[in-house]
Amino acid sequence: METIPGSGNWRLTLRREAEGVTILRAATCDRRAVLPETLFGLPVTALGDHALSPTAAPAAGEELLVTCGAGTAPETWTNRDMEDLTLPPALRRMGDYALMNCGALRALRLHDGIRQWGGAVLMNCRSLNTFRLTRVGEQGDALAWLADELPWELDVTVEETDGSVFRLIFPEYQEVYEENCPAHHFDYNIFGAGYPYHHSFRRKKLDLRTYDELWPGFLGMEHDEGCAVRLAFWRLRYPAELTDRAEGQYLRYLRAHAGEAAAWLVGEWDLPGLAFLLETAPPDRAALSAACDLARETGAAGALALLLEQQRDAAPQGLDKTFDL
């Protein structure tokens, strides 16, 4: 097996092709893993069937060890503990079951140039809910595919070709088949207010105005208030294509739930986000006090400083006094 240096650790089985490298098998011991962008001077353009699945059988191909010198036990090279994965920017094809059973995977970073998605690519990736999608040109269909594939709450950050960024929440929903014994068939039911968000694409393209128009209906259904806070906050924090009407709706909700938003941001140790909240939708005195208590309990000194400064500025001023001698 050939060995080459790299910024991470991978045991690869691959196939060189005219247009690039197809990775047939890839195993890492890294929790935050980055697949190589190029190998042997060729771009990595495809992941084969079962390529990163921890339960995949060995595949025939050229073997390569990429290492940064980390000495770990062989049994840890399984992808079972991989939590964060970055895919190569030139990737164009994902094979069937490519990431199946990567149960610890929580975050996936990819480019919007994948043209072919295999079946059940993310099967049993039940912890995966965070995505960083980088656009490489005209909007692709990666976001539409991910939203349709995963029904739980998704947190998606999109970086446009000009470097601008926006962040979206896709609320959770559930599809349930219930056996109807007397009729000898199954009834199909959808639960949760997130279904329209996951299917708000037209020809696999996202229209942010269509996304924002779902907000009143979302609030009119049974929904998770924490999810609603996150959705409204990120649309205001990164207001890409945000209309005045949508901005007003999100802002009213965030102001009414500023205490919940402050507690969430303190828990995330998100100082820029907390500063934005305090400027845009400041919590009332009781909510500020509760957020200060939380910051003290969790040792979030930076957040506590921001909150105490907000408390000072919001405190009623005493009467001006003059003294005559």
C-alpha atoms as a PDB file:
ATOM      1  CA  MET A   1       0.000   0.000   0.000  1.00  0.00           C
ATOM      2  CA  GLU A   2       1.391   3.377  -1.026  1.00  0.00           C
ATOM      3  CA  THR A   3       1.551   6.062   1.670  1.00  0.00           C
ATOM      4  CA  ILE A   4       1.384   9.828   1.092  1.00  0.00           C
ATOM      5  CA  PRO A   5       1.251  12.737   3.559  1.00  0.00           C
ATOM      6  CA  GLY A   6      -1.973  14.638   4.095  1.00  0.00           C
ATOM      7  CA  SER A   7      -3.799  16.923   6.495  1.00  0.00           C
ATOM      8  CA  GLY A   8      -5.894  14.005   7.764  1.00  0.00           C
ATOM      9  CA  ASN A   9      -5.939  10.223   7.949  1.00  0.00           C
ATOM     10  CA  TRP A  10      -7.557   7.982   5.332  1.00  0.00           C
ATOM     11  CA  ARG A  11      -7.250   4.430   4.125  1.00  0.00           C
ATOM     12  CA  LEU A  12      -8.519   4.542   0.575  1.00  0.00           C
ATOM     13  CA  THR A  13      -9.368   2.101  -2.146  1.00  0.00           C
ATOM     14  CA  LEU A  14      -9.722   3.977  -5.427  1.00  0.00           C
ATOM     15  CA  ARG A  15      -9.906   3.811  -9.180  1.00  0.00           C
ATOM     16  CA  ARG A  16      -8.227   6.315 -11.505  1.00  0.00           C
ATOM     17  CA  GLU A  17     -10.325   7.397 -14.468  1.00  0.00           C
ATOM     18  CA  ALA A  18      -9.915   9.915 -17.255  1.00  0.00           C
ATOM     19  CA  GLU A  19     -12.011  12.629 -15.596  1.00  0.00           C
ATOM     20  CA  GLY A  20     -10.784  12.013 -12.048  1.00  0.00           C
ATOM     21  CA  VAL A  21     -10.571   9.622  -9.124  1.00  0.00           C
ATOM     22  CA  THR A  22     -13.438   7.483  -7.849  1.00  0.00           C
ATOM     23  CA  ILE A  23     -13.099   6.526  -4.184  1.00  0.00           C
ATOM     24  CA  LEU A  24     -14.424   2.991  -3.780  1.00  0.00           C
ATOM     25  CA  ARG A  25     -13.737   2.681  -0.041  1.00  0.00           C
ATOM     26  CA  ALA A  26     -12.617   5.251   2.515  1.00  0.00           C
ATOM     27  CA  ALA A  27     -12.011   4.732   6.235  1.00  0.00           C
ATOM     28  CA  THR A  28     -10.762   7.308   8.732  1.00  0.00           C
ATOM     29  CA  CYS A  29      -9.963   7.545  12.418  1.00  0.00           C
ATOM     30  CA  ASP A  30     -10.649  11.306  12.476  1.00  0.00           C
ATOM     31  CA  ARG A  31     -13.762  12.761  14.078  1.00  0.00           C
ATOM     32  CA  ARG A  32     -13.499  15.833  11.822  1.00  0.00           C
ATOM     33  CA  ALA A  33     -12.586  14.352   8.469  1.00  0.00           C
ATOM     34  CA  VAL A  34     -11.766  16.004   5.143  1.00  0.00           C
ATOM     35  CA  LEU A  35     -11.574  13.857   2.024  1.00  0.00           C
ATOM     36  CA  PRO A  36      -8.651  14.818  -0.237  1.00  0.00           C
ATOM     37  CA  GLU A  37      -9.527  17.176  -3.088  1.00  0.00           C
ATOM     38  CA  THR A  38      -6.978  15.635  -5.443  1.00  0.00           C
ATOM     39  CA  LEU A  39      -5.040  12.385  -5.630  1.00  0.00           C
ATOM     40  CA  PHE A  40      -2.154  11.706  -8.039  1.00  0.00           C
ATOM     41  CA  GLY A  41      -2.825  15.102  -9.630  1.00  0.00           C
ATOM     42  CA  LEU A  42      -6.443  14.202 -10.434  1.00  0.00           C
ATOM     43  CA  PRO A  43      -9.585  15.655  -8.824  1.00  0.00           C
ATOM     44  CA  VAL A  44     -11.722  13.377  -6.686  1.00  0.00           C
ATOM     45  CA  THR A  45     -14.987  13.301  -8.632  1.00  0.00           C
ATOM     46  CA  ALA A  46     -17.002  10.333  -7.329  1.00  0.00           C
ATOM     47  CA  LEU A  47     -17.787   8.183  -4.312  1.00  0.00           C
ATOM     48  CA  GLY A  48     -18.622   4.616  -5.185  1.00  0.00           C
ATOM     49  CA  ASP A  49     -21.404   2.456  -3.774  1.00  0.00           C
ATOM     50  CA  HIS A  50     -20.990   1.997   0.024  1.00  0.00           C
ATOM     51  CA  ALA A  51     -17.805   4.097  -0.172  1.00  0.00           C
ATOM     52  CA  LEU A  52     -17.782   5.391   3.427  1.00  0.00           C
ATOM     53  CA  SER A  53     -20.176   2.917   4.998  1.00  0.00           C
ATOM     54  CA  PRO A  54     -18.645   1.355   8.153  1.00  0.00           C
ATOM     55  CA  THR A  55     -20.320  -1.938   7.316  1.00  0.00           C
ATOM     56  CA  ALA A  56     -19.175  -2.173   3.684  1.00  0.00           C
ATOM     57  CA  ALA A  57     -17.256  -5.188   2.416  1.00  0.00           C
ATOM     58  CA  PRO A  58     -13.771  -4.588   0.958  1.00  0.00           C
ATOM     59  CA  ALA A  59     -13.587  -3.508  -2.673  1.00  0.00           C
ATOM     60  CA  ALA A  60     -11.020  -4.278  -5.341  1.00  0.00           C
ATOM     61  CA  GLY A  61      -8.931  -1.327  -6.422  1.00  0.00           C
ATOM     62  CA  GLU A  62      -5.746   0.659  -5.890  1.00  0.00           C
ATOM     63  CA  GLU A  63      -4.968   1.068  -2.175  1.00  0.00           C
ATOM     64  CA  LEU A  64      -3.604   4.266  -0.665  1.00  0.00           C
ATOM     65  CA  LEU A  65      -2.846   5.458   2.862  1.00  0.00           C
ATOM     66  CA  VAL A  66      -3.133   9.208   3.479  1.00  0.00           C
ATOM     67  CA  THR A  67      -1.755  10.163   6.871  1.00  0.00           C
ATOM     68  CA  CYS A  68      -0.716  13.136   8.945  1.00  0.00           C
ATOM     69  CA  GLY A  69       1.250  10.848  11.251  1.00  0.00           C
ATOM     70  CA  ALA A  70      -1.443  10.097  13.831  1.00  0.00           C
ATOM     71  CA  GLY A  71      -0.758   6.721  15.396  1.00  0.00           C
ATOM     72  CA  THR A  72      -4.097   5.108  16.181  1.00  0.00           C
ATOM     73  CA  ALA A  73      -5.275   1.561  16.643  1.00  0.00           C
ATOM     74  CA  PRO A  74      -6.496  -0.198  13.474  1.00  0.00           C
ATOM     75  CA  GLU A  75      -9.944  -0.823  14.961  1.00  0.00           C
ATOM     76  CA  THR A  76     -10.601   2.936  15.069  1.00  0.00           C
ATOM     77  CA  TRP A  77     -10.435   3.261  11.272  1.00  0.00           C
ATOM     78  CA  THR A  78     -14.126   2.536  10.784  1.00  0.00           C
ATOM     79  CA  ASN A  79     -15.938   5.897  10.248  1.00  0.00           C
ATOM     80  CA  ARG A  80     -18.167   4.977  13.208  1.00  0.00           C
ATOM     81  CA  ASP A  81     -16.907   7.928  15.250  1.00  0.00           C
ATOM     82  CA  MET A  82     -16.753  10.407  12.371  1.00  0.00           C
ATOM     83  CA  GLU A  83     -18.823  13.465  13.317  1.00  0.00           C
ATOM     84  CA  ASP A  84     -17.957  16.050  10.685  1.00  0.00           C
ATOM     85  CA  LEU A  85     -17.166  15.310   7.028  1.00  0.00           C
ATOM     86  CA  THR A  86     -16.003  17.612   4.234  1.00  0.00           C
ATOM     87  CA  LEU A  87     -16.454  16.300   0.691  1.00  0.00           C
ATOM     88  CA  PRO A  88     -14.207  17.337  -2.234  1.00  0.00           C
ATOM     89  CA  PRO A  89     -15.340  20.387  -4.266  1.00  0.00           C
ATOM     90  CA  ALA A  90     -15.058  18.534  -7.607  1.00  0.00           C
ATOM     91  CA  LEU A  91     -17.351  15.714  -6.469  1.00  0.00           C
ATOM     92  CA  ARG A  92     -20.000  14.979  -9.111  1.00  0.00           C
ATOM     93  CA  ARG A  93     -21.405  11.564  -8.179  1.00  0.00           C
ATOM     94  CA  MET A  94     -22.499   9.883  -4.947  1.00  0.00           C
ATOM     95  CA  GLY A  95     -22.930   6.136  -5.182  1.00  0.00           C
ATOM     96  CA  ASP A  96     -25.684   4.045  -3.630  1.00  0.00           C
ATOM     97  CA  TYR A  97     -25.463   3.826   0.189  1.00  0.00           C
ATOM     98  CA  ALA A  98     -22.296   5.962   0.082  1.00  0.00           C
ATOM     99  CA  LEU A  99     -22.603   7.111   3.723  1.00  0.00           C
ATOM    100  CA  MET A 100     -24.894   4.404   5.068  1.00  0.00           C
ATOM    101  CA  ASN A 101     -24.577   3.671   8.809  1.00  0.00           C
ATOM    102  CA  CYS A 102     -22.377   6.688   9.600  1.00  0.00           C
ATOM    103  CA  GLY A 103     -24.401   7.007  12.776  1.00  0.00           C
ATOM    104  CA  ALA A 104     -22.217   9.591  14.548  1.00  0.00           C
ATOM    105  CA  LEU A 105     -22.080  11.962  11.560  1.00  0.00           C
ATOM    106  CA  ARG A 106     -23.643  15.302  12.524  1.00  0.00           C
ATOM    107  CA  ALA A 107     -22.289  17.788   9.968  1.00  0.00           C
ATOM    108  CA  LEU A 108     -21.670  17.488   6.240  1.00  0.00           C
ATOM    109  CA  ARG A 109     -19.812  20.098   4.162  1.00  0.00           C
ATOM    110  CA  LEU A 110     -20.190  19.856   0.403  1.00  0.00           C
ATOM    111  CA  HIS A 111     -20.320  21.844  -2.834  1.00  0.00           C
ATOM    112  CA  ASP A 112     -23.436  22.304  -4.932  1.00  0.00           C
ATOM    113  CA  GLY A 113     -22.021  20.543  -7.966  1.00  0.00           C
ATOM    114  CA  ILE A 114     -23.107  16.952  -7.356  1.00  0.00           C
ATOM    115  CA  ARG A 115     -25.104  15.863 -10.394  1.00  0.00           C
ATOM    116  CA  GLN A 116     -25.874  12.236  -9.556  1.00  0.00           C
ATOM    117  CA  TRP A 117     -27.238  11.016  -6.229  1.00  0.00           C
ATOM    118  CA  GLY A 118     -27.407   7.294  -5.600  1.00  0.00           C
ATOM    119  CA  GLY A 119     -30.113   5.535  -3.662  1.00  0.00           C
ATOM    120  CA  ALA A 120     -30.180   5.663   0.144  1.00  0.00           C
ATOM    121  CA  VAL A 121     -26.926   7.659   0.320  1.00  0.00           C
ATOM    122  CA  LEU A 122     -27.685   8.768   3.898  1.00  0.00           C
ATOM    123  CA  MET A 123     -29.459   5.678   5.193  1.00  0.00           C
ATOM    124  CA  ASN A 124     -29.201   5.415   9.008  1.00  0.00           C
ATOM    125  CA  CYS A 125     -27.351   8.750   9.313  1.00  0.00           C
ATOM    126  CA  ARG A 126     -29.834   9.724  12.019  1.00  0.00           C
ATOM    127  CA  SER A 127     -27.587  12.298  13.718  1.00  0.00           C
ATOM    128  CA  LEU A 128     -26.941  14.266  10.522  1.00  0.00           C
ATOM    129  CA  ASN A 129     -28.691  17.634  10.735  1.00  0.00           C
ATOM    130  CA  THR A 130     -26.136  20.327   9.868  1.00  0.00           C
ATOM    131  CA  PHE A 131     -24.971  21.205   6.367  1.00  0.00           C
ATOM    132  CA  ARG A 132     -22.581  23.741   4.862  1.00  0.00           C
ATOM    133  CA  LEU A 133     -23.334  24.047   1.153  1.00  0.00           C
ATOM    134  CA  THR A 134     -21.002  26.036  -1.101  1.00  0.00           C
ATOM    135  CA  ARG A 135     -22.322  27.154  -4.455  1.00  0.00           C
ATOM    136  CA  VAL A 136     -19.986  26.673  -7.410  1.00  0.00           C
ATOM    137  CA  GLY A 137     -22.072  28.427 -10.073  1.00  0.00           C
ATOM    138  CA  GLU A 138     -25.750  28.235 -10.930  1.00  0.00           C
ATOM    139  CA  GLN A 139     -27.858  26.777  -8.117  1.00  0.00           C
ATOM    140  CA  GLY A 140     -27.715  22.990  -8.165  1.00  0.00           C
ATOM    141  CA  ASP A 141     -30.116  20.477  -6.658  1.00  0.00           C
ATOM    142  CA  ALA A 142     -28.102  19.403  -3.583  1.00  0.00           C
ATOM    143  CA  LEU A 143     -30.242  21.383  -1.137  1.00  0.00           C
ATOM    144  CA  ALA A 144     -33.486  20.080  -2.626  1.00  0.00           C
ATOM    145  CA  TRP A 145     -32.166  16.528  -2.451  1.00  0.00           C
ATOM    146  CA  LEU A 146     -31.087  16.832   1.187  1.00  0.00           C
ATOM    147  CA  ALA A 147     -34.368  18.434   2.285  1.00  0.00           C
ATOM    148  CA  ASP A 148     -36.376  15.709   0.578  1.00  0.00           C
ATOM    149  CA  GLU A 149     -34.195  12.896   1.928  1.00  0.00           C
ATOM    150  CA  LEU A 150     -34.128  13.862   5.638  1.00  0.00           C
ATOM    151  CA  PRO A 151     -37.413  14.659   7.446  1.00  0.00           C
ATOM    152  CA  TRP A 152     -35.991  15.928  10.728  1.00  0.00           C
ATOM    153  CA  GLU A 153     -34.935  19.511  11.491  1.00  0.00           C
ATOM    154  CA  LEU A 154     -32.069  20.615   9.264  1.00  0.00           C
ATOM    155  CA  ASP A 155     -29.723  23.561   9.814  1.00  0.00           C
ATOM    156  CA  VAL A 156     -28.316  24.622   6.437  1.00  0.00           C
ATOM    157  CA  THR A 157     -25.757  27.336   5.721  1.00  0.00           C
ATOM    158  CA  VAL A 158     -25.404  28.304   2.063  1.00  0.00           C
ATOM    159  CA  GLU A 159     -22.395  30.205   0.760  1.00  0.00           C
ATOM    160  CA  GLU A 160     -23.049  31.862  -2.586  1.00  0.00           C
ATOM    161  CA  THR A 161     -20.505  32.250  -5.365  1.00  0.00           C
ATOM    162  CA  ASP A 162     -19.981  35.920  -4.421  1.00  0.00           C
ATOM    163  CA  GLY A 163     -19.084  34.935  -0.832  1.00  0.00           C
ATOM    164  CA  SER A 164     -22.384  36.028   0.712  1.00  0.00           C
ATOM    165  CA  VAL A 165     -23.959  33.655   3.220  1.00  0.00           C
ATOM    166  CA  PHE A 166     -27.441  32.818   4.418  1.00  0.00           C
ATOM    167  CA  ARG A 167     -28.701  30.234   6.881  1.00  0.00           C
ATOM    168  CA  LEU A 168     -31.991  28.334   6.871  1.00  0.00           C
ATOM    169  CA  ILE A 169     -33.862  26.014   9.198  1.00  0.00           C
ATOM    170  CA  PHE A 170     -36.044  23.270   7.728  1.00  0.00           C
ATOM    171  CA  PRO A 171     -38.422  22.179  10.526  1.00  0.00           C
ATOM    172  CA  GLU A 172     -39.095  18.545  11.317  1.00  0.00           C
ATOM    173  CA  TYR A 173     -41.979  16.421  10.073  1.00  0.00           C
ATOM    174  CA  GLN A 174     -42.833  12.731  10.196  1.00  0.00           C
ATOM    175  CA  GLU A 175     -44.281  10.360   7.637  1.00  0.00           C
ATOM    176  CA  VAL A 176     -46.124   7.488   9.308  1.00  0.00           C
ATOM    177  CA  TYR A 177     -47.756   4.390   7.854  1.00  0.00           C
ATOM    178  CA  GLU A 178     -50.431   3.035  10.201  1.00  0.00           C
ATOM    179  CA  GLU A 179     -51.979  -0.364   9.694  1.00  0.00           C
ATOM    180  CA  ASN A 180     -55.725  -0.276   9.103  1.00  0.00           C
ATOM    181  CA  CYS A 181     -56.616  -3.861   9.971  1.00  0.00           C
ATOM    182  CA  PRO A 182     -60.330  -3.883   9.087  1.00  0.00           C
ATOM    183  CA  ALA A 183     -59.616  -2.472   5.642  1.00  0.00           C
ATOM    184  CA  HIS A 184     -56.423  -4.556   5.187  1.00  0.00           C
ATOM    185  CA  HIS A 185     -54.285  -1.614   4.126  1.00  0.00           C
ATOM    186  CA  PHE A 186     -51.939   1.029   5.518  1.00  0.00           C
ATOM    187  CA  ASP A 187     -52.937   4.664   6.032  1.00  0.00           C
ATOM    188  CA  TYR A 188     -50.298   7.266   5.188  1.00  0.00           C
ATOM    189  CA  ASN A 189     -50.167  10.265   7.535  1.00  0.00           C
ATOM    190  CA  ILE A 190     -47.901  13.298   7.816  1.00  0.00           C
ATOM    191  CA  PHE A 191     -47.266  14.888  11.208  1.00  0.00           C
ATOM    192  CA  GLY A 192     -45.403  18.112  11.926  1.00  0.00           C
ATOM    193  CA  ALA A 193     -45.386  21.585  10.459  1.00  0.00           C
ATOM    194  CA  GLY A 194     -42.129  21.124   8.568  1.00  0.00           C
ATOM    195  CA  TYR A 195     -43.389  19.201   5.526  1.00  0.00           C
ATOM    196  CA  PRO A 196     -44.019  22.289   3.329  1.00  0.00           C
ATOM    197  CA  TYR A 197     -40.511  23.591   4.049  1.00  0.00           C
ATOM    198  CA  HIS A 198     -38.847  20.341   3.001  1.00  0.00           C
ATOM    199  CA  HIS A 199     -40.883  20.376  -0.221  1.00  0.00           C
ATOM    200  CA  SER A 200     -40.823  24.088  -1.024  1.00  0.00           C
ATOM    201  CA  PHE A 201     -38.615  23.686  -4.097  1.00  0.00           C
ATOM    202  CA  ARG A 202     -39.647  24.317  -7.690  1.00  0.00           C
ATOM    203  CA  ARG A 203     -37.755  22.234 -10.239  1.00  0.00           C
ATOM    204  CA  LYS A 204     -35.285  21.513  -7.426  1.00  0.00           C
ATOM    205  CA  LYS A 205     -34.486  25.201  -6.975  1.00  0.00           C
ATOM    206  CA  LEU A 206     -35.038  27.176  -3.768  1.00  0.00           C
ATOM    207  CA  ASP A 207     -36.956  30.459  -3.875  1.00  0.00           C
ATOM    208  CA  LEU A 208     -36.435  32.325  -0.603  1.00  0.00           C
ATOM    209  CA  ARG A 209     -39.672  34.274  -1.024  1.00  0.00           C
ATOM    210  CA  THR A 210     -41.588  31.009  -1.269  1.00  0.00           C
ATOM    211  CA  TYR A 211     -39.747  29.809   1.838  1.00  0.00           C
ATOM    212  CA  ASP A 212     -40.729  32.967   3.762  1.00  0.00           C
ATOM    213  CA  GLU A 213     -44.369  32.722   2.674  1.00  0.00           C
ATOM    214  CA  LEU A 214     -44.660  29.454   4.631  1.00  0.00           C
ATOM    215  CA  TRP A 215     -44.143  31.246   7.967  1.00  0.00           C
ATOM    216  CA  PRO A 216     -47.791  32.170   8.828  1.00  0.00           C
ATOM    217  CA  GLY A 217     -48.930  28.642   8.042  1.00  0.00           C
ATOM    218  CA  PHE A 218     -46.112  27.184  10.115  1.00  0.00           C
ATOM    219  CA  LEU A 219     -47.171  29.239  13.149  1.00  0.00           C
ATOM    220  CA  GLY A 220     -50.797  28.232  12.572  1.00  0.00           C
ATOM    221  CA  MET A 221     -49.935  24.549  13.033  1.00  0.00           C
ATOM    222  CA  GLU A 222     -48.602  22.695  16.033  1.00  0.00           C
ATOM    223  CA  HIS A 223     -44.880  23.448  15.998  1.00  0.00           C
ATOM    224  CA  ASP A 224     -41.733  23.489  18.106  1.00  0.00           C
ATOM    225  CA  GLU A 225     -41.236  27.015  19.452  1.00  0.00           C
ATOM    226  CA  GLY A 226     -37.477  26.520  19.718  1.00  0.00           C
ATOM    227  CA  CYS A 227     -37.348  25.648  16.034  1.00  0.00           C
ATOM    228  CA  ALA A 228     -39.447  28.716  15.205  1.00  0.00           C
ATOM    229  CA  VAL A 229     -37.061  30.928  17.184  1.00  0.00           C
ATOM    230  CA  ARG A 230     -34.081  29.532  15.288  1.00  0.00           C
ATOM    231  CA  LEU A 231     -35.811  29.910  11.923  1.00  0.00           C
ATOM    232  CA  ALA A 232     -36.808  33.539  12.549  1.00  0.00           C
ATOM    233  CA  PHE A 233     -33.418  34.430  14.029  1.00  0.00           C
ATOM    234  CA  TRP A 234     -31.373  33.110  11.095  1.00  0.00           C
ATOM    235  CA  ARG A 235     -33.580  34.783   8.495  1.00  0.00           C
ATOM    236  CA  LEU A 236     -33.069  38.105  10.283  1.00  0.00           C
ATOM    237  CA  ARG A 237     -29.395  37.475  10.971  1.00  0.00           C
ATOM    238  CA  TYR A 238     -28.688  36.741   7.294  1.00  0.00           C
ATOM    239  CA  PRO A 239     -31.502  38.532   5.413  1.00  0.00           C
ATOM    240  CA  ALA A 240     -30.839  37.302   1.865  1.00  0.00           C
ATOM    241  CA  GLU A 241     -33.757  38.361  -0.381  1.00  0.00           C
ATOM    242  CA  LEU A 242     -35.809  39.159   2.736  1.00  0.00           C
ATOM    243  CA  THR A 243     -38.836  41.346   1.968  1.00  0.00           C
ATOM    244  CA  ASP A 244     -40.032  44.052   4.354  1.00  0.00           C
ATOM    245  CA  ARG A 245     -43.193  42.071   5.048  1.00  0.00           C
ATOM    246  CA  ALA A 246     -41.322  38.882   5.942  1.00  0.00           C
ATOM    247  CA  GLU A 247     -38.841  40.836   8.031  1.00  0.00           C
ATOM    248  CA  GLY A 248     -41.686  42.349  10.058  1.00  0.00           C
ATOM    249  CA  GLN A 249     -43.252  38.929  10.681  1.00  0.00           C
ATOM    250  CA  TYR A 250     -40.003  37.365  11.836  1.00  0.00           C
ATOM    251  CA  LEU A 251     -39.119  40.364  13.967  1.00  0.00           C
ATOM    252  CA  ARG A 252     -42.454  40.355  15.803  1.00  0.00           C
ATOM    253  CA  TYR A 253     -42.011  36.700  16.661  1.00  0.00           C
ATOM    254  CA  LEU A 254     -38.408  37.091  17.769  1.00  0.00           C
ATOM    255  CA  ARG A 255     -39.272  40.037  20.008  1.00  0.00           C
ATOM    256  CA  ALA A 256     -42.036  37.992  21.613  1.00  0.00           C
ATOM    257  CA  HIS A 257     -39.594  35.123  22.242  1.00  0.00           C
ATOM    258  CA  ALA A 258     -36.394  37.056  22.894  1.00  0.00           C
ATOM    259  CA  GLY A 259     -35.822  35.301  26.213  1.00  0.00           C
ATOM    260  CA  GLU A 260     -35.827  31.872  24.575  1.00  0.00           C
ATOM    261  CA  ALA A 261     -33.510  33.164  21.857  1.00  0.00           C
ATOM    262  CA  ALA A 262     -31.068  34.583  24.430  1.00  0.00           C
ATOM    263  CA  ALA A 263     -30.941  31.289  26.339  1.00  0.00           C
ATOM    264  CA  TRP A 264     -30.339  29.363  23.113  1.00  0.00           C
ATOM    265  CA  LEU A 265     -27.507  31.669  21.998  1.00  0.00           C
ATOM    266  CA  VAL A 266     -25.856  31.577  25.421  1.00  0.00           C
ATOM    267  CA  GLY A 267     -25.958  27.777  25.275  1.00  0.00           C
ATOM    268  CA  GLU A 268     -24.370  27.880  21.813  1.00  0.00           C
ATOM    269  CA  TRP A 269     -21.644  30.312  22.970  1.00  0.00           C
ATOM    270  CA  ASP A 270     -22.579  32.447  19.966  1.00  0.00           C
ATOM    271  CA  LEU A 271     -21.351  35.914  20.949  1.00  0.00           C
ATOM    272  CA  PRO A 272     -21.910  37.621  17.560  1.00  0.00           C
ATOM    273  CA  GLY A 273     -25.414  36.151  17.428  1.00  0.00           C
ATOM    274  CA  LEU A 274     -26.159  37.257  20.974  1.00  0.00           C
ATOM    275  CA  ALA A 275     -24.934  40.780  20.205  1.00  0.00           C
ATOM    276  CA  PHE A 276     -27.222  40.839  17.154  1.00  0.00           C
ATOM    277  CA  LEU A 277     -30.196  39.721  19.257  1.00  0.00           C
ATOM    278  CA  LEU A 278     -29.575  42.346  21.941  1.00  0.00           C
ATOM    279  CA  GLU A 279     -29.498  45.036  19.280  1.00  0.00           C
ATOM    280  CA  THR A 280     -32.422  43.757  17.185  1.00  0.00           C
ATOM    281  CA  ALA A 281     -34.851  42.197  19.673  1.00  0.00           C
ATOM    282  CA  PRO A 282     -33.635  42.872  23.233  1.00  0.00           C
ATOM    283  CA  PRO A 283     -35.185  40.638  25.934  1.00  0.00           C
ATOM    284  CA  ASP A 284     -37.066  42.176  28.848  1.00  0.00           C
ATOM    285  CA  ARG A 285     -35.480  42.546  32.294  1.00  0.00           C
ATOM    286  CA  ALA A 286     -36.676  39.165  33.585  1.00  0.00           C
ATOM    287  CA  ALA A 287     -35.393  37.340  30.505  1.00  0.00           C
ATOM    288  CA  LEU A 288     -32.075  39.186  30.713  1.00  0.00           C
ATOM    289  CA  SER A 289     -31.685  38.160  34.339  1.00  0.00           C
ATOM    290  CA  ALA A 290     -32.442  34.515  33.479  1.00  0.00           C
ATOM    291  CA  ALA A 291     -29.915  34.612  30.622  1.00  0.00           C
ATOM    292  CA  CYS A 292     -27.297  36.058  32.983  1.00  0.00           C
ATOM    293  CA  ASP A 293     -27.905  33.208  35.422  1.00  0.00           C
ATOM    294  CA  LEU A 294     -27.474  30.685  32.615  1.00  0.00           C
ATOM    295  CA  ALA A 295     -24.242  32.327  31.475  1.00  0.00           C
ATOM    296  CA  ARG A 296     -22.864  32.171  35.019  1.00  0.00           C
ATOM    297  CA  GLU A 297     -23.824  28.505  35.384  1.00  0.00           C
ATOM    298  CA  THR A 298     -22.179  27.518  32.110  1.00  0.00           C
ATOM    299  CA  GLY A 299     -19.100  29.716  32.494  1.00  0.00           C
ATOM    300  CA  ALA A 300     -19.921  31.737  29.370  1.00  0.00           C
ATOM    301  CA  ALA A 301     -17.993  34.828  30.449  1.00  0.00           C
ATOM    302  CA  GLY A 302     -18.222  36.624  27.131  1.00  0.00           C
ATOM    303  CA  ALA A 303     -21.983  36.187  26.950  1.00  0.00           C
ATOM    304  CA  LEU A 304     -22.336  37.312  30.567  1.00  0.00           C
ATOM    305  CA  ALA A 305     -20.417  40.521  29.815  1.00  0.00           C
ATOM    306  CA  LEU A 306     -22.750  41.339  26.909  1.00  0.00           C
ATOM    307  CA  LEU A 307     -25.843  40.615  28.986  1.00  0.00           C
ATOM    308  CA  LEU A 308     -24.668  42.659  31.969  1.00  0.00           C
ATOM    309  CA  GLU A 309     -23.924  45.592  29.701  1.00  0.00           C
ATOM    310  CA  GLN A 310     -27.444  45.271  28.242  1.00  0.00           C
ATOM    311  CA  GLN A 311     -28.884  45.151  31.769  1.00  0.00           C
ATOM    312  CA  ARG A 312     -27.024  48.315  32.691  1.00  0.00           C
ATOM    313  CA  ASP A 313     -28.230  50.160  29.596  1.00  0.00           C
ATOM    314  CA  ALA A 314     -31.811  48.984  30.113  1.00  0.00           C
ATOM    315  CA  ALA A 315     -31.973  49.866  33.808  1.00  0.00           C
ATOM    316  CA  PRO A 316     -34.118  52.920  34.663  1.00  0.00           C
ATOM    317  CA  GLN A 317     -32.035  55.997  35.326  1.00  0.00           C
ATOM    318  CA  GLY A 318     -32.251  57.750  38.693  1.00  0.00           C
ATOM    319  CA  LEU A 319     -33.394  61.304  39.131  1.00  0.00           C
ATOM    320  CA  ASP A 320     -30.886  64.013  38.411  1.00  0.00           C
ATOM    321  CA  LYS A 321     -29.877  65.722  41.602  1.00  0.00           C
ATOM    322  CA  THR A 322     -28.385  69.141  42.197  1.00  0.00           C
ATOM    323  CA  PHE A 323     -26.850  70.568  45.299  1.00  0.00           C
ATOM    324  CA  ASP A 324     -26.542  74.203  46.286  1.00  0.00           C
ATOM    325  CA  LEU A 325     -23.764  75.258  48.617  1.00  0.00           C
END
